[in-house]
Each structure stands twice: as structure tokens, then as C-alpha cells.
Amino acid sequence: MQAESFDYRPSKILIFLLIVVHVGSLVIIACMRGHIFAQLLGGGLCLFSFIWNINLQLNVKKILWNEKTGWKVQDRKGAIYPANLNKQNVCTPWVAGLNFNKKPLIIFFDSMRKDAFRRLRVLLANGRANYEN
């Protein structure tokens, strides 16, 4: 296994979960009693969090791994960035949570083809991936 390329597409499951969590938070903030300023600030922060998380998931196009050069992430514009994969990763049969340069990328099984997701899980499980700290 010299080099791997994983085509990434935003997960419908993840987008649904982000919508549910953020709408739920907005409902709770709207029902709070107190200063209107605190409600507006909380709602604004919640909307900012939603936009930031969706943008992070929509911006990634491809995840690349090479035994010599390590991890790289390609964005939708075609630019390729080197990425250090931290050891704080989660890998299950349904979801993989990768922490690149302290920026999380959550990959559900519907984010890539089945064989690509399996290869990514095998790569992470066998310790073939090089880690930074």
C-alpha cells in the first residue's frame, strides 16, 4: 500500500445531525428567560457554529495518503494542503473521526464509496498511517 486516494462527499447523516443539534440549541436558547442580549448572543454563536461546521464538511473533496509524504487534504478548489493526523481519532464500522491539524473531519459510511471507507479504516487500524504527536 504505497498511496491511497479517498474521494470525499458530505455525509447526509452528518448534515442531518448538525441541523438537529443546532436547531435544538436555537429552540432552547429562544425559550430561556433572561436578557434579550444573551439570547441574541447565544443564537448568533449557534448559527456561527452551524455555518463553520457545514463549511468544514463541504470544503473537503479528497483525502490523500502516501507512505512517504503522509496525509494531504484537497479542497473543492483543487488546492492540496499537507495535513498532520493526530492520534485522537475514532474509527468504527459506521464512522471515522479524523483530527487533521486540530480540525476535525467526521466521515460517515455514506461519505465515500464502501471500498474506500473500508480501505481508510484498514489504514487507520493497522497503524500504517503516520501520526503527529
Protein backbone atom coordinates (compact mmCIF):
# COMPACT_ATOMS: atom_id res chain seq x y z
CA MET A 1 0.00 0.00 0.00
CA GLN A 2 2.07 2.92 -1.28
CA ALA A 3 -0.53 5.62 -1.85
CA GLU A 4 -4.26 5.99 -1.28
CA SER A 5 -6.80 8.49 -2.52
CA PHE A 6 -10.19 8.78 -0.83
CA ASP A 7 -12.90 10.78 -2.64
CA TYR A 8 -14.98 12.54 -0.01
CA ARG A 9 -18.54 13.79 -0.29
CA PRO A 10 -20.51 15.44 2.51
CA SER A 11 -22.48 12.94 4.55
CA LYS A 12 -26.26 13.31 4.54
CA ILE A 13 -26.33 11.75 8.02
CA LEU A 14 -23.85 14.28 9.38
CA ILE A 15 -25.67 17.24 7.84
CA PHE A 16 -28.95 15.97 9.32
CA LEU A 17 -27.34 15.60 12.77
CA LEU A 18 -25.81 19.08 12.57
CA ILE A 19 -29.21 20.56 11.68
CA VAL A 20 -30.97 18.72 14.53
CA VAL A 21 -28.36 19.72 17.13
CA HIS A 22 -28.22 23.37 16.10
CA VAL A 23 -31.98 23.83 15.68
CA GLY A 24 -32.47 22.17 19.06
CA SER A 25 -29.96 24.56 20.59
CA LEU A 26 -31.71 27.55 18.99
CA VAL A 27 -35.06 26.39 20.41
CA ILE A 28 -33.57 26.05 23.90
CA ILE A 29 -31.93 29.49 23.64
CA ALA A 30 -35.22 31.02 22.45
CA CYS A 31 -37.08 29.52 25.42
CA MET A 32 -34.61 30.84 28.01
CA ARG A 33 -35.70 33.59 30.28
CA GLY A 34 -33.36 36.47 30.78
CA HIS A 35 -31.81 39.25 28.87
CA ILE A 36 -32.60 39.50 25.19
CA PHE A 37 -28.93 40.31 24.59
CA ALA A 38 -27.91 36.89 26.00
CA GLN A 39 -30.45 35.19 23.75
CA LEU A 40 -29.24 37.05 20.67
CA LEU A 41 -25.61 36.33 21.51
CA GLY A 42 -26.33 32.63 22.11
CA GLY A 43 -28.35 32.38 18.90
CA GLY A 44 -25.64 34.15 16.92
CA LEU A 45 -22.95 31.85 18.29
CA CYS A 46 -25.10 28.82 17.49
CA LEU A 47 -25.60 30.00 13.89
CA PHE A 48 -21.87 30.70 13.56
CA SER A 49 -21.11 27.18 14.81
CA PHE A 50 -23.51 25.67 12.28
CA ILE A 51 -22.07 27.63 9.36
CA TRP A 52 -18.48 26.83 10.41
CA ASN A 53 -19.18 23.09 10.75
CA ILE A 54 -21.09 22.84 7.46
CA ASN A 55 -18.36 24.79 5.65
CA LEU A 56 -15.68 22.50 7.08
CA GLN A 57 -17.52 19.41 5.81
CA LEU A 58 -18.40 20.88 2.40
CA ASN A 59 -14.91 22.20 1.68
CA VAL A 60 -13.11 18.81 1.57
CA LYS A 61 -13.00 16.99 -1.77
CA LYS A 62 -10.34 14.34 -1.35
CA ILE A 63 -8.16 12.82 1.36
CA LEU A 64 -4.77 11.63 0.16
CA TRP A 65 -2.25 9.41 1.91
CA ASN A 66 1.21 8.44 0.79
CA GLU A 67 3.66 6.35 2.78
CA LYS A 68 6.47 8.84 2.10
CA THR A 69 4.72 12.21 2.25
CA GLY A 70 1.93 11.43 4.73
CA TRP A 71 -1.56 12.91 4.72
CA LYS A 72 -2.87 15.64 2.44
CA VAL A 73 -6.32 17.16 2.05
CA GLN A 74 -7.63 18.52 -1.25
CA ASP A 75 -10.32 21.18 -1.11
CA ARG A 76 -13.10 21.87 -3.64
CA LYS A 77 -10.98 24.48 -5.41
CA GLY A 78 -8.28 21.89 -6.12
CA ALA A 79 -5.66 23.17 -3.67
CA ILE A 80 -3.81 20.44 -1.77
CA TYR A 81 -2.71 21.06 1.82
CA PRO A 82 -0.40 18.91 3.93
CA ALA A 83 -2.21 17.66 6.99
CA ASN A 84 -0.86 16.13 10.18
CA LEU A 85 -3.09 13.38 11.51
CA ASN A 86 -3.22 13.50 15.30
CA LYS A 87 -3.62 10.34 17.37
CA GLN A 88 -7.04 11.38 18.68
CA ASN A 89 -9.03 9.58 16.00
CA VAL A 90 -12.10 7.38 16.12
CA CYS A 91 -12.66 4.57 13.67
CA THR A 92 -15.75 2.35 13.77
CA PRO A 93 -17.62 0.43 11.06
CA TRP A 94 -20.02 3.38 10.61
CA VAL A 95 -17.99 6.50 11.27
CA ALA A 96 -14.41 7.71 11.32
CA GLY A 97 -13.43 10.88 13.11
CA LEU A 98 -10.10 12.24 11.89
CA ASN A 99 -8.30 15.12 13.53
CA PHE A 100 -6.20 16.91 10.88
CA ASN A 101 -4.18 19.84 12.22
CA LYS A 102 -6.71 20.17 15.05
CA LYS A 103 -9.55 20.44 12.52
CA PRO A 104 -11.95 17.54 12.83
CA LEU A 105 -13.30 15.72 9.81
CA ILE A 106 -16.18 13.36 10.50
CA ILE A 107 -16.57 10.68 7.87
CA PHE A 108 -19.75 8.61 7.95
CA PHE A 109 -20.06 5.48 5.83
CA ASP A 110 -22.08 7.45 3.26
CA SER A 111 -19.25 9.97 2.75
CA MET A 112 -17.35 7.74 0.36
CA ARG A 113 -17.68 4.50 -1.56
CA LYS A 114 -17.83 1.35 0.58
CA ASP A 115 -14.48 0.03 -0.59
CA ALA A 116 -12.78 3.39 0.01
CA PHE A 117 -14.24 3.66 3.52
CA ARG A 118 -13.05 0.12 4.25
CA ARG A 119 -9.54 0.93 2.97
CA LEU A 120 -9.44 4.06 5.16
CA ARG A 121 -10.49 2.04 8.22
CA VAL A 122 -7.86 -0.63 7.48
CA LEU A 123 -5.19 2.03 7.02
CA LEU A 124 -6.02 3.60 10.38
CA ALA A 125 -6.47 0.29 12.22
CA ASN A 126 -3.18 -1.23 11.04
CA GLY A 127 -1.22 1.78 12.19
CA ARG A 128 0.17 2.35 8.69
CA ALA A 129 -0.83 5.99 8.93
CA ASN A 130 1.89 8.26 10.24
CA TYR A 131 0.83 10.36 13.20
CA GLU A 132 1.97 13.68 14.51
CA ASN A 133 2.13 13.73 18.35
